[in-house]
Amino acid sequence: YKLYYFTITTGKRIGVCKQKAFEGIFRARQLGGEHARVIGV
């Protein structure tokens, strides 16, 4: 039941990459709670 959530962007600027990272954290927590892990690429 443990979720590994990959959020992926070809972006090279920190603003875009940070936005994708927080989006991944929010969705992972929403679906998998404390058990979820996020991998930002």
PDB file of all heavy atoms in Angstrom:
ATOM      1  N   TYR A   1       0.829  -1.206   0.000  1.00  0.00           N
ATOM      2  CA  TYR A   1       0.000   0.000   0.000  1.00  0.00           C
ATOM      3  C   TYR A   1       0.864   1.258   0.000  1.00  0.00           C
ATOM      4  O   TYR A   1       0.341   2.368  -0.038  1.00  0.00           O
ATOM      5  CB  TYR A   1      -0.920   0.027   1.230  1.00  0.00           C
ATOM      6  CG  TYR A   1      -0.169   0.003   2.540  1.00  0.00           C
ATOM      7  CD1 TYR A   1       0.400   1.151   3.074  1.00  0.00           C
ATOM      8  CD2 TYR A   1      -0.012  -1.180   3.244  1.00  0.00           C
ATOM      9  CE1 TYR A   1       1.114   1.130   4.252  1.00  0.00           C
ATOM     10  CE2 TYR A   1       0.695  -1.221   4.432  1.00  0.00           C
ATOM     11  CZ  TYR A   1       1.250  -0.065   4.937  1.00  0.00           C
ATOM     12  OH  TYR A   1       1.958  -0.091   6.110  1.00  0.00           O
ATOM     13  N   LYS A   2       2.196   1.088   0.060  1.00  0.00           N
ATOM     14  CA  LYS A   2       3.084   2.241   0.159  1.00  0.00           C
ATOM     15  C   LYS A   2       3.303   2.862  -1.212  1.00  0.00           C
ATOM     16  O   LYS A   2       3.685   2.196  -2.168  1.00  0.00           O
ATOM     17  CB  LYS A   2       4.425   1.842   0.769  1.00  0.00           C
ATOM     18  CG  LYS A   2       5.324   3.030   1.062  1.00  0.00           C
ATOM     19  CD  LYS A   2       6.464   2.662   1.984  1.00  0.00           C
ATOM     20  CE  LYS A   2       7.287   3.893   2.352  1.00  0.00           C
ATOM     21  NZ  LYS A   2       8.296   3.603   3.380  1.00  0.00           N
ATOM     22  N   LEU A   3       3.085   4.173  -1.273  1.00  0.00           N
ATOM     23  CA  LEU A   3       3.065   4.908  -2.534  1.00  0.00           C
ATOM     24  C   LEU A   3       4.413   5.578  -2.786  1.00  0.00           C
ATOM     25  O   LEU A   3       4.955   6.250  -1.912  1.00  0.00           O
ATOM     26  CB  LEU A   3       1.973   5.970  -2.449  1.00  0.00           C
ATOM     27  CG  LEU A   3       1.448   6.601  -3.724  1.00  0.00           C
ATOM     28  CD1 LEU A   3       0.600   5.594  -4.477  1.00  0.00           C
ATOM     29  CD2 LEU A   3       0.601   7.820  -3.372  1.00  0.00           C
ATOM     30  N   TYR A   4       4.939   5.388  -4.001  1.00  0.00           N
ATOM     31  CA  TYR A   4       6.105   6.135  -4.466  1.00  0.00           C
ATOM     32  C   TYR A   4       5.633   6.990  -5.637  1.00  0.00           C
ATOM     33  O   TYR A   4       5.316   6.476  -6.709  1.00  0.00           O
ATOM     34  CB  TYR A   4       7.226   5.189  -4.883  1.00  0.00           C
ATOM     35  CG  TYR A   4       7.753   4.348  -3.737  1.00  0.00           C
ATOM     36  CD1 TYR A   4       7.171   3.120  -3.429  1.00  0.00           C
ATOM     37  CD2 TYR A   4       8.811   4.796  -2.951  1.00  0.00           C
ATOM     38  CE1 TYR A   4       7.634   2.356  -2.367  1.00  0.00           C
ATOM     39  CE2 TYR A   4       9.291   4.032  -1.899  1.00  0.00           C
ATOM     40  CZ  TYR A   4       8.693   2.824  -1.607  1.00  0.00           C
ATOM     41  OH  TYR A   4       9.150   2.068  -0.553  1.00  0.00           O
ATOM     42  N   TYR A   5       5.570   8.278  -5.402  1.00  0.00           N
ATOM     43  CA  TYR A   5       4.945   9.214  -6.338  1.00  0.00           C
ATOM     44  C   TYR A   5       6.048   9.970  -7.080  1.00  0.00           C
ATOM     45  O   TYR A   5       6.829  10.706  -6.475  1.00  0.00           O
ATOM     46  CB  TYR A   5       4.056  10.174  -5.542  1.00  0.00           C
ATOM     47  CG  TYR A   5       3.177  11.094  -6.352  1.00  0.00           C
ATOM     48  CD1 TYR A   5       1.806  10.910  -6.372  1.00  0.00           C
ATOM     49  CD2 TYR A   5       3.705  12.157  -7.073  1.00  0.00           C
ATOM     50  CE1 TYR A   5       0.972  11.762  -7.096  1.00  0.00           C
ATOM     51  CE2 TYR A   5       2.895  13.011  -7.802  1.00  0.00           C
ATOM     52  CZ  TYR A   5       1.531  12.810  -7.807  1.00  0.00           C
ATOM     53  OH  TYR A   5       0.717  13.645  -8.531  1.00  0.00           O
ATOM     54  N   PHE A   6       6.109   9.785  -8.412  1.00  0.00           N
ATOM     55  CA  PHE A   6       7.122  10.454  -9.234  1.00  0.00           C
ATOM     56  C   PHE A   6       6.506  11.674  -9.898  1.00  0.00           C
ATOM     57  O   PHE A   6       5.498  11.568 -10.599  1.00  0.00           O
ATOM     58  CB  PHE A   6       7.651   9.507 -10.315  1.00  0.00           C
ATOM     59  CG  PHE A   6       8.517   8.392  -9.792  1.00  0.00           C
ATOM     60  CD1 PHE A   6       7.959   7.292  -9.165  1.00  0.00           C
ATOM     61  CD2 PHE A   6       9.904   8.458  -9.928  1.00  0.00           C
ATOM     62  CE1 PHE A   6       8.757   6.261  -8.682  1.00  0.00           C
ATOM     63  CE2 PHE A   6      10.712   7.433  -9.451  1.00  0.00           C
ATOM     64  CZ  PHE A   6      10.137   6.334  -8.825  1.00  0.00           C
ATOM     65  N   THR A   7       7.113  12.829  -9.665  1.00  0.00           N
ATOM     66  CA  THR A   7       6.693  14.041 -10.347  1.00  0.00           C
ATOM     67  C   THR A   7       7.855  14.498 -11.224  1.00  0.00           C
ATOM     68  O   THR A   7       8.976  14.693 -10.747  1.00  0.00           O
ATOM     69  CB  THR A   7       6.269  15.136  -9.344  1.00  0.00           C
ATOM     70  OG1 THR A   7       5.930  16.332 -10.056  1.00  0.00           O
ATOM     71  CG2 THR A   7       7.334  15.422  -8.307  1.00  0.00           C
ATOM     72  N   ILE A   8       7.614  14.646 -12.524  1.00  0.00           N
ATOM     73  CA  ILE A   8       8.700  14.741 -13.510  1.00  0.00           C
ATOM     74  C   ILE A   8       8.534  15.981 -14.380  1.00  0.00           C
ATOM     75  O   ILE A   8       7.443  16.264 -14.874  1.00  0.00           O
ATOM     76  CB  ILE A   8       8.706  13.470 -14.393  1.00  0.00           C
ATOM     77  CG1 ILE A   8       8.927  12.233 -13.510  1.00  0.00           C
ATOM     78  CG2 ILE A   8       9.781  13.546 -15.470  1.00  0.00           C
ATOM     79  CD1 ILE A   8       8.671  10.927 -14.202  1.00  0.00           C
ATOM     80  N   THR A   9       9.632  16.704 -14.565  1.00  0.00           N
ATOM     81  CA  THR A   9       9.612  17.869 -15.439  1.00  0.00           C
ATOM     82  C   THR A   9      10.948  17.989 -16.165  1.00  0.00           C
ATOM     83  O   THR A   9      11.996  17.650 -15.615  1.00  0.00           O
ATOM     84  CB  THR A   9       9.339  19.168 -14.655  1.00  0.00           C
ATOM     85  OG1 THR A   9       9.429  20.291 -15.545  1.00  0.00           O
ATOM     86  CG2 THR A   9      10.350  19.374 -13.531  1.00  0.00           C
ATOM     87  N   THR A  10      10.896  18.467 -17.399  1.00  0.00           N
ATOM     88  CA  THR A  10      12.130  18.769 -18.134  1.00  0.00           C
ATOM     89  C   THR A  10      12.613  20.183 -17.819  1.00  0.00           C
ATOM     90  O   THR A  10      13.562  20.664 -18.417  1.00  0.00           O
ATOM     91  CB  THR A  10      11.917  18.635 -19.650  1.00  0.00           C
ATOM     92  OG1 THR A  10      10.803  19.451 -20.031  1.00  0.00           O
ATOM     93  CG2 THR A  10      11.656  17.200 -20.047  1.00  0.00           C
ATOM     94  N   GLY A  11      11.959  20.828 -16.854  1.00  0.00           N
ATOM     95  CA  GLY A  11      12.321  22.190 -16.486  1.00  0.00           C
ATOM     96  C   GLY A  11      13.732  22.297 -15.930  1.00  0.00           C
ATOM     97  O   GLY A  11      14.245  21.373 -15.298  1.00  0.00           O
ATOM     98  N   LYS A  12      14.348  23.468 -16.167  1.00  0.00           N
ATOM     99  CA  LYS A  12      15.715  23.722 -15.703  1.00  0.00           C
ATOM    100  C   LYS A  12      15.786  24.946 -14.801  1.00  0.00           C
ATOM    101  O   LYS A  12      16.871  25.404 -14.461  1.00  0.00           O
ATOM    102  CB  LYS A  12      16.643  23.926 -16.909  1.00  0.00           C
ATOM    103  CG  LYS A  12      16.706  22.727 -17.850  1.00  0.00           C
ATOM    104  CD  LYS A  12      17.519  23.056 -19.090  1.00  0.00           C
ATOM    105  CE  LYS A  12      17.493  21.894 -20.083  1.00  0.00           C
ATOM    106  NZ  LYS A  12      18.224  22.228 -21.328  1.00  0.00           N
ATOM    107  N   ARG A  13      14.615  25.464 -14.400  1.00  0.00           N
ATOM    108  CA  ARG A  13      14.580  26.628 -13.522  1.00  0.00           C
ATOM    109  C   ARG A  13      13.935  26.247 -12.206  1.00  0.00           C
ATOM    110  O   ARG A  13      12.970  25.482 -12.153  1.00  0.00           O
ATOM    111  CB  ARG A  13      13.837  27.792 -14.177  1.00  0.00           C
ATOM    112  CG  ARG A  13      14.412  28.183 -15.533  1.00  0.00           C
ATOM    113  CD  ARG A  13      13.851  29.480 -16.040  1.00  0.00           C
ATOM    114  NE  ARG A  13      14.285  30.617 -15.237  1.00  0.00           N
ATOM    115  CZ  ARG A  13      15.467  31.228 -15.358  1.00  0.00           C
ATOM    116  NH1 ARG A  13      16.338  30.802 -16.256  1.00  0.00           N
ATOM    117  NH2 ARG A  13      15.780  32.243 -14.595  1.00  0.00           N
ATOM    118  N   ILE A  14      14.466  26.812 -11.125  1.00  0.00           N
ATOM    119  CA  ILE A  14      14.062  26.366  -9.793  1.00  0.00           C
ATOM    120  C   ILE A  14      12.581  26.625  -9.507  1.00  0.00           C
ATOM    121  O   ILE A  14      11.938  25.844  -8.808  1.00  0.00           O
ATOM    122  CB  ILE A  14      14.946  27.031  -8.709  1.00  0.00           C
ATOM    123  CG1 ILE A  14      14.749  26.303  -7.370  1.00  0.00           C
ATOM    124  CG2 ILE A  14      14.688  28.530  -8.609  1.00  0.00           C
ATOM    125  CD1 ILE A  14      15.784  26.668  -6.328  1.00  0.00           C
ATOM    126  N   GLY A  15      12.020  27.703 -10.071  1.00  0.00           N
ATOM    127  CA  GLY A  15      10.609  27.996  -9.827  1.00  0.00           C
ATOM    128  C   GLY A  15       9.693  26.881 -10.320  1.00  0.00           C
ATOM    129  O   GLY A  15       8.797  26.437  -9.614  1.00  0.00           O
ATOM    130  N   VAL A  16       9.936  26.439 -11.557  1.00  0.00           N
ATOM    131  CA  VAL A  16       9.128  25.362 -12.149  1.00  0.00           C
ATOM    132  C   VAL A  16       9.330  24.065 -11.374  1.00  0.00           C
ATOM    133  O   VAL A  16       8.367  23.353 -11.057  1.00  0.00           O
ATOM    134  CB  VAL A  16       9.515  25.163 -13.626  1.00  0.00           C
ATOM    135  CG1 VAL A  16       8.833  23.925 -14.198  1.00  0.00           C
ATOM    136  CG2 VAL A  16       9.145  26.390 -14.437  1.00  0.00           C
ATOM    137  N   CYS A  17      10.586  23.762 -11.047  1.00  0.00           N
ATOM    138  CA  CYS A  17      10.896  22.501 -10.359  1.00  0.00           C
ATOM    139  C   CYS A  17      10.328  22.482  -8.946  1.00  0.00           C
ATOM    140  O   CYS A  17       9.865  21.438  -8.468  1.00  0.00           O
ATOM    141  CB  CYS A  17      12.403  22.271 -10.331  1.00  0.00           C
ATOM    142  SG  CYS A  17      13.131  22.160 -11.984  1.00  0.00           S
ATOM    143  N   LYS A  18      10.335  23.626  -8.279  1.00  0.00           N
ATOM    144  CA  LYS A  18       9.771  23.709  -6.925  1.00  0.00           C
ATOM    145  C   LYS A  18       8.255  23.514  -6.970  1.00  0.00           C
ATOM    146  O   LYS A  18       7.677  22.829  -6.124  1.00  0.00           O
ATOM    147  CB  LYS A  18      10.111  25.062  -6.298  1.00  0.00           C
ATOM    148  CG  LYS A  18       9.760  25.152  -4.817  1.00  0.00           C
ATOM    149  CD  LYS A  18       9.936  26.568  -4.282  1.00  0.00           C
ATOM    150  CE  LYS A  18      11.373  27.039  -4.395  1.00  0.00           C
ATOM    151  NZ  LYS A  18      11.558  28.377  -3.786  1.00  0.00           N
ATOM    152  N   GLN A  19       7.616  24.133  -7.958  1.00  0.00           N
ATOM    153  CA  GLN A  19       6.176  23.982  -8.111  1.00  0.00           C
ATOM    154  C   GLN A  19       5.795  22.514  -8.325  1.00  0.00           C
ATOM    155  O   GLN A  19       4.854  22.005  -7.712  1.00  0.00           O
ATOM    156  CB  GLN A  19       5.680  24.826  -9.293  1.00  0.00           C
ATOM    157  CG  GLN A  19       4.180  24.747  -9.517  1.00  0.00           C
ATOM    158  CD  GLN A  19       3.730  25.594 -10.705  1.00  0.00           C
ATOM    159  OE1 GLN A  19       4.482  26.406 -11.220  1.00  0.00           O
ATOM    160  NE2 GLN A  19       2.514  25.392 -11.144  1.00  0.00           N
ATOM    161  N   LYS A  20       6.539  21.821  -9.185  1.00  0.00           N
ATOM    162  CA  LYS A  20       6.286  20.397  -9.419  1.00  0.00           C
ATOM    163  C   LYS A  20       6.527  19.577  -8.159  1.00  0.00           C
ATOM    164  O   LYS A  20       5.789  18.629  -7.866  1.00  0.00           O
ATOM    165  CB  LYS A  20       7.168  19.893 -10.558  1.00  0.00           C
ATOM    166  CG  LYS A  20       6.730  20.317 -11.938  1.00  0.00           C
ATOM    167  CD  LYS A  20       5.481  19.577 -12.392  1.00  0.00           C
ATOM    168  CE  LYS A  20       5.756  18.136 -12.736  1.00  0.00           C
ATOM    169  NZ  LYS A  20       4.574  17.426 -13.287  1.00  0.00           N
ATOM    170  N   ALA A  21       7.567  19.928  -7.385  1.00  0.00           N
ATOM    171  CA  ALA A  21       7.871  19.194  -6.157  1.00  0.00           C
ATOM    172  C   ALA A  21       6.738  19.333  -5.147  1.00  0.00           C
ATOM    173  O   ALA A  21       6.286  18.330  -4.554  1.00  0.00           O
ATOM    174  CB  ALA A  21       9.182  19.691  -5.564  1.00  0.00           C
ATOM    175  N   PHE A  22       6.243  20.562  -4.951  1.00  0.00           N
ATOM    176  CA  PHE A  22       5.160  20.766  -3.990  1.00  0.00           C
ATOM    177  C   PHE A  22       3.859  20.123  -4.463  1.00  0.00           C
ATOM    178  O   PHE A  22       3.087  19.608  -3.655  1.00  0.00           O
ATOM    179  CB  PHE A  22       4.957  22.259  -3.722  1.00  0.00           C
ATOM    180  CG  PHE A  22       5.890  22.812  -2.697  1.00  0.00           C
ATOM    181  CD1 PHE A  22       6.802  23.798  -3.037  1.00  0.00           C
ATOM    182  CD2 PHE A  22       5.879  22.346  -1.396  1.00  0.00           C
ATOM    183  CE1 PHE A  22       7.681  24.300  -2.094  1.00  0.00           C
ATOM    184  CE2 PHE A  22       6.748  22.846  -0.446  1.00  0.00           C
ATOM    185  CZ  PHE A  22       7.657  23.829  -0.787  1.00  0.00           C
ATOM    186  N   GLU A  23       3.622  20.163  -5.758  1.00  0.00           N
ATOM    187  CA  GLU A  23       2.446  19.471  -6.303  1.00  0.00           C
ATOM    188  C   GLU A  23       2.522  17.981  -5.989  1.00  0.00           C
ATOM    189  O   GLU A  23       1.536  17.359  -5.579  1.00  0.00           O
ATOM    190  CB  GLU A  23       2.380  19.689  -7.812  1.00  0.00           C
ATOM    191  CG  GLU A  23       1.256  18.940  -8.512  1.00  0.00           C
ATOM    192  CD  GLU A  23       1.380  18.996 -10.027  1.00  0.00           C
ATOM    193  OE1 GLU A  23       1.847  20.033 -10.559  1.00  0.00           O
ATOM    194  OE2 GLU A  23       1.048  18.000 -10.679  1.00  0.00           O
ATOM    195  N   GLY A  24       3.716  17.394  -6.168  1.00  0.00           N
ATOM    196  CA  GLY A  24       3.897  15.977  -5.866  1.00  0.00           C
ATOM    197  C   GLY A  24       3.709  15.669  -4.393  1.00  0.00           C
ATOM    198  O   GLY A  24       3.066  14.677  -4.027  1.00  0.00           O
ATOM    199  N   ILE A  25       4.251  16.524  -3.521  1.00  0.00           N
ATOM    200  CA  ILE A  25       4.112  16.314  -2.074  1.00  0.00           C
ATOM    201  C   ILE A  25       2.647  16.368  -1.667  1.00  0.00           C
ATOM    202  O   ILE A  25       2.157  15.519  -0.900  1.00  0.00           O
ATOM    203  CB  ILE A  25       4.930  17.374  -1.301  1.00  0.00           C
ATOM    204  CG1 ILE A  25       6.426  17.126  -1.497  1.00  0.00           C
ATOM    205  CG2 ILE A  25       4.591  17.352   0.188  1.00  0.00           C
ATOM    206  CD1 ILE A  25       7.295  18.287  -1.057  1.00  0.00           C
ATOM    207  N   PHE A  26       1.914  17.348  -2.193  1.00  0.00           N
ATOM    208  CA  PHE A  26       0.496  17.482  -1.862  1.00  0.00           C
ATOM    209  C   PHE A  26      -0.293  16.254  -2.300  1.00  0.00           C
ATOM    210  O   PHE A  26      -1.065  15.678  -1.527  1.00  0.00           O
ATOM    211  CB  PHE A  26      -0.081  18.748  -2.515  1.00  0.00           C
ATOM    212  CG  PHE A  26      -1.572  18.879  -2.358  1.00  0.00           C
ATOM    213  CD1 PHE A  26      -2.124  19.296  -1.167  1.00  0.00           C
ATOM    214  CD2 PHE A  26      -2.427  18.550  -3.408  1.00  0.00           C
ATOM    215  CE1 PHE A  26      -3.498  19.405  -1.006  1.00  0.00           C
ATOM    216  CE2 PHE A  26      -3.806  18.652  -3.273  1.00  0.00           C
ATOM    217  CZ  PHE A  26      -4.345  19.085  -2.064  1.00  0.00           C
ATOM    218  N   ARG A  27      -0.116  15.836  -3.557  1.00  0.00           N
ATOM    219  CA  ARG A  27      -0.871  14.693  -4.081  1.00  0.00           C
ATOM    220  C   ARG A  27      -0.482  13.393  -3.361  1.00  0.00           C
ATOM    221  O   ARG A  27      -1.336  12.559  -3.058  1.00  0.00           O
ATOM    222  CB  ARG A  27      -0.628  14.544  -5.577  1.00  0.00           C
ATOM    223  CG  ARG A  27      -1.269  15.620  -6.408  1.00  0.00           C
ATOM    224  CD  ARG A  27      -2.764  15.410  -6.532  1.00  0.00           C
ATOM    225  NE  ARG A  27      -3.367  16.489  -7.300  1.00  0.00           N
ATOM    226  CZ  ARG A  27      -4.424  17.188  -6.922  1.00  0.00           C
ATOM    227  NH1 ARG A  27      -4.986  16.912  -5.753  1.00  0.00           N
ATOM    228  NH2 ARG A  27      -4.914  18.139  -7.671  1.00  0.00           N
ATOM    229  N   ALA A  28       0.814  13.233  -3.086  1.00  0.00           N
ATOM    230  CA  ALA A  28       1.260  12.015  -2.403  1.00  0.00           C
ATOM    231  C   ALA A  28       0.682  11.933  -1.006  1.00  0.00           C
ATOM    232  O   ALA A  28       0.218  10.870  -0.566  1.00  0.00           O
ATOM    233  CB  ALA A  28       2.784  11.965  -2.359  1.00  0.00           C
ATOM    234  N   ARG A  29       0.686  13.039  -0.276  1.00  0.00           N
ATOM    235  CA  ARG A  29       0.091  13.050   1.067  1.00  0.00           C
ATOM    236  C   ARG A  29      -1.402  12.784   0.991  1.00  0.00           C
ATOM    237  O   ARG A  29      -1.969  12.080   1.833  1.00  0.00           O
ATOM    238  CB  ARG A  29       0.334  14.413   1.729  1.00  0.00           C
ATOM    239  CG  ARG A  29       1.748  14.615   2.251  1.00  0.00           C
ATOM    240  CD  ARG A  29       1.862  15.989   2.883  1.00  0.00           C
ATOM    241  NE  ARG A  29       3.179  16.239   3.458  1.00  0.00           N
ATOM    242  CZ  ARG A  29       3.541  17.396   4.000  1.00  0.00           C
ATOM    243  NH1 ARG A  29       2.684  18.415   4.004  1.00  0.00           N
ATOM    244  NH2 ARG A  29       4.750  17.542   4.515  1.00  0.00           N
ATOM    245  N   GLN A  30      -2.043  13.376  -0.014  1.00  0.00           N
ATOM    246  CA  GLN A  30      -3.482  13.211  -0.170  1.00  0.00           C
ATOM    247  C   GLN A  30      -3.846  11.749  -0.390  1.00  0.00           C
ATOM    248  O   GLN A  30      -4.800  11.235   0.206  1.00  0.00           O
ATOM    249  CB  GLN A  30      -3.966  14.060  -1.354  1.00  0.00           C
ATOM    250  CG  GLN A  30      -5.467  13.989  -1.616  1.00  0.00           C
ATOM    251  CD  GLN A  30      -5.853  14.745  -2.866  1.00  0.00           C
ATOM    252  OE1 GLN A  30      -5.055  14.870  -3.802  1.00  0.00           O
ATOM    253  NE2 GLN A  30      -7.073  15.253  -2.911  1.00  0.00           N
ATOM    254  N   LEU A  31      -3.079  11.061  -1.222  1.00  0.00           N
ATOM    255  CA  LEU A  31      -3.397   9.670  -1.566  1.00  0.00           C
ATOM    256  C   LEU A  31      -2.809   8.663  -0.582  1.00  0.00           C
ATOM    257  O   LEU A  31      -3.461   7.700  -0.214  1.00  0.00           O
ATOM    258  CB  LEU A  31      -2.884   9.357  -2.975  1.00  0.00           C
ATOM    259  CG  LEU A  31      -3.556  10.082  -4.130  1.00  0.00           C
ATOM    260  CD1 LEU A  31      -2.821   9.797  -5.430  1.00  0.00           C
ATOM    261  CD2 LEU A  31      -5.012   9.668  -4.252  1.00  0.00           C
ATOM    262  N   GLY A  32      -1.547   8.875  -0.195  1.00  0.00           N
ATOM    263  CA  GLY A  32      -0.853   7.861   0.596  1.00  0.00           C
ATOM    264  C   GLY A  32      -0.544   8.236   2.020  1.00  0.00           C
ATOM    265  O   GLY A  32       0.009   7.432   2.769  1.00  0.00           O
ATOM    266  N   GLY A  33      -0.881   9.479   2.433  1.00  0.00           N
ATOM    267  CA  GLY A  33      -0.650   9.911   3.798  1.00  0.00           C
ATOM    268  C   GLY A  33       0.832   9.923   4.158  1.00  0.00           C
ATOM    269  O   GLY A  33       1.703  10.135   3.318  1.00  0.00           O
ATOM    270  N   GLU A  34       1.113   9.673   5.433  1.00  0.00           N
ATOM    271  CA  GLU A  34       2.489   9.699   5.926  1.00  0.00           C
ATOM    272  C   GLU A  34       3.348   8.606   5.306  1.00  0.00           C
ATOM    273  O   GLU A  34       4.574   8.682   5.327  1.00  0.00           O
ATOM    274  CB  GLU A  34       2.507   9.509   7.442  1.00  0.00           C
ATOM    275  CG  GLU A  34       1.933  10.648   8.245  1.00  0.00           C
ATOM    276  CD  GLU A  34       2.015  10.346   9.719  1.00  0.00           C
ATOM    277  OE1 GLU A  34       1.215   9.524  10.206  1.00  0.00           O
ATOM    278  OE2 GLU A  34       2.899  10.912  10.395  1.00  0.00           O
ATOM    279  N   HIS A  35       2.699   7.579   4.777  1.00  0.00           N
ATOM    280  CA  HIS A  35       3.442   6.437   4.243  1.00  0.00           C
ATOM    281  C   HIS A  35       4.057   6.739   2.877  1.00  0.00           C
ATOM    282  O   HIS A  35       4.959   6.030   2.431  1.00  0.00           O
ATOM    283  CB  HIS A  35       2.512   5.225   4.117  1.00  0.00           C
ATOM    284  CG  HIS A  35       1.717   4.968   5.350  1.00  0.00           C
ATOM    285  ND1 HIS A  35       2.213   4.247   6.406  1.00  0.00           N
ATOM    286  CD2 HIS A  35       0.460   5.339   5.713  1.00  0.00           C
ATOM    287  CE1 HIS A  35       1.298   4.188   7.368  1.00  0.00           C
ATOM    288  NE2 HIS A  35       0.226   4.844   6.965  1.00  0.00           N
ATOM    289  N   ALA A  36       3.561   7.766   2.181  1.00  0.00           N
ATOM    290  CA  ALA A  36       3.971   8.024   0.798  1.00  0.00           C
ATOM    291  C   ALA A  36       5.351   8.665   0.735  1.00  0.00           C
ATOM    292  O   ALA A  36       5.771   9.391   1.639  1.00  0.00           O
ATOM    293  CB  ALA A  36       2.948   8.921   0.114  1.00  0.00           C
ATOM    294  N   ARG A  37       6.042   8.400  -0.360  1.00  0.00           N
ATOM    295  CA  ARG A  37       7.325   9.026  -0.641  1.00  0.00           C
ATOM    296  C   ARG A  37       7.268   9.650  -2.034  1.00  0.00           C
ATOM    297  O   ARG A  37       6.634   9.101  -2.944  1.00  0.00           O
ATOM    298  CB  ARG A  37       8.465   8.006  -0.568  1.00  0.00           C
ATOM    299  CG  ARG A  37       8.692   7.460   0.851  1.00  0.00           C
ATOM    300  CD  ARG A  37       9.188   8.550   1.782  1.00  0.00           C
ATOM    301  NE  ARG A  37       9.353   8.089   3.158  1.00  0.00           N
ATOM    302  CZ  ARG A  37       8.445   8.235   4.115  1.00  0.00           C
ATOM    303  NH1 ARG A  37       7.280   8.801   3.838  1.00  0.00           N
ATOM    304  NH2 ARG A  37       8.675   7.832   5.332  1.00  0.00           N
ATOM    305  N   VAL A  38       7.953  10.786  -2.201  1.00  0.00           N
ATOM    306  CA  VAL A  38       7.931  11.526  -3.461  1.00  0.00           C
ATOM    307  C   VAL A  38       9.316  11.508  -4.077  1.00  0.00           C
ATOM    308  O   VAL A  38      10.317  11.704  -3.377  1.00  0.00           O
ATOM    309  CB  VAL A  38       7.479  12.991  -3.236  1.00  0.00           C
ATOM    310  CG1 VAL A  38       7.443  13.751  -4.559  1.00  0.00           C
ATOM    311  CG2 VAL A  38       6.122  13.029  -2.554  1.00  0.00           C
ATOM    312  N   ILE A  39       9.377  11.266  -5.380  1.00  0.00           N
ATOM    313  CA  ILE A  39      10.630  11.363  -6.132  1.00  0.00           C
ATOM    314  C   ILE A  39      10.429  12.447  -7.179  1.00  0.00           C
ATOM    315  O   ILE A  39       9.591  12.308  -8.079  1.00  0.00           O
ATOM    316  CB  ILE A  39      11.025  10.030  -6.796  1.00  0.00           C
ATOM    317  CG1 ILE A  39      11.246   8.944  -5.753  1.00  0.00           C
ATOM    318  CG2 ILE A  39      12.302  10.211  -7.616  1.00  0.00           C
ATOM    319  CD1 ILE A  39      10.035   8.134  -5.397  1.00  0.00           C
ATOM    320  N   GLY A  40      11.166  13.536  -7.037  1.00  0.00           N
ATOM    321  CA  GLY A  40      11.081  14.637  -7.986  1.00  0.00           C
ATOM    322  C   GLY A  40      12.209  14.551  -9.002  1.00  0.00           C
ATOM    323  O   GLY A  40      13.378  14.520  -8.626  1.00  0.00           O
ATOM    324  N   VAL A  41      11.858  14.489 -10.284  1.00  0.00           N
ATOM    325  CA  VAL A  41      12.857  14.384 -11.350  1.00  0.00           C
ATOM    326  C   VAL A  41      12.821  15.669 -12.171  1.00  0.00           C
ATOM    327  O   VAL A  41      11.747  16.100 -12.605  1.00  0.00           O
ATOM    328  CB  VAL A  41      12.583  13.175 -12.268  1.00  0.00           C
ATOM    329  CG1 VAL A  41      13.668  13.051 -13.335  1.00  0.00           C
ATOM    330  CG2 VAL A  41      12.490  11.888 -11.446  1.00  0.00           C
TER     331      VAL A  41
END
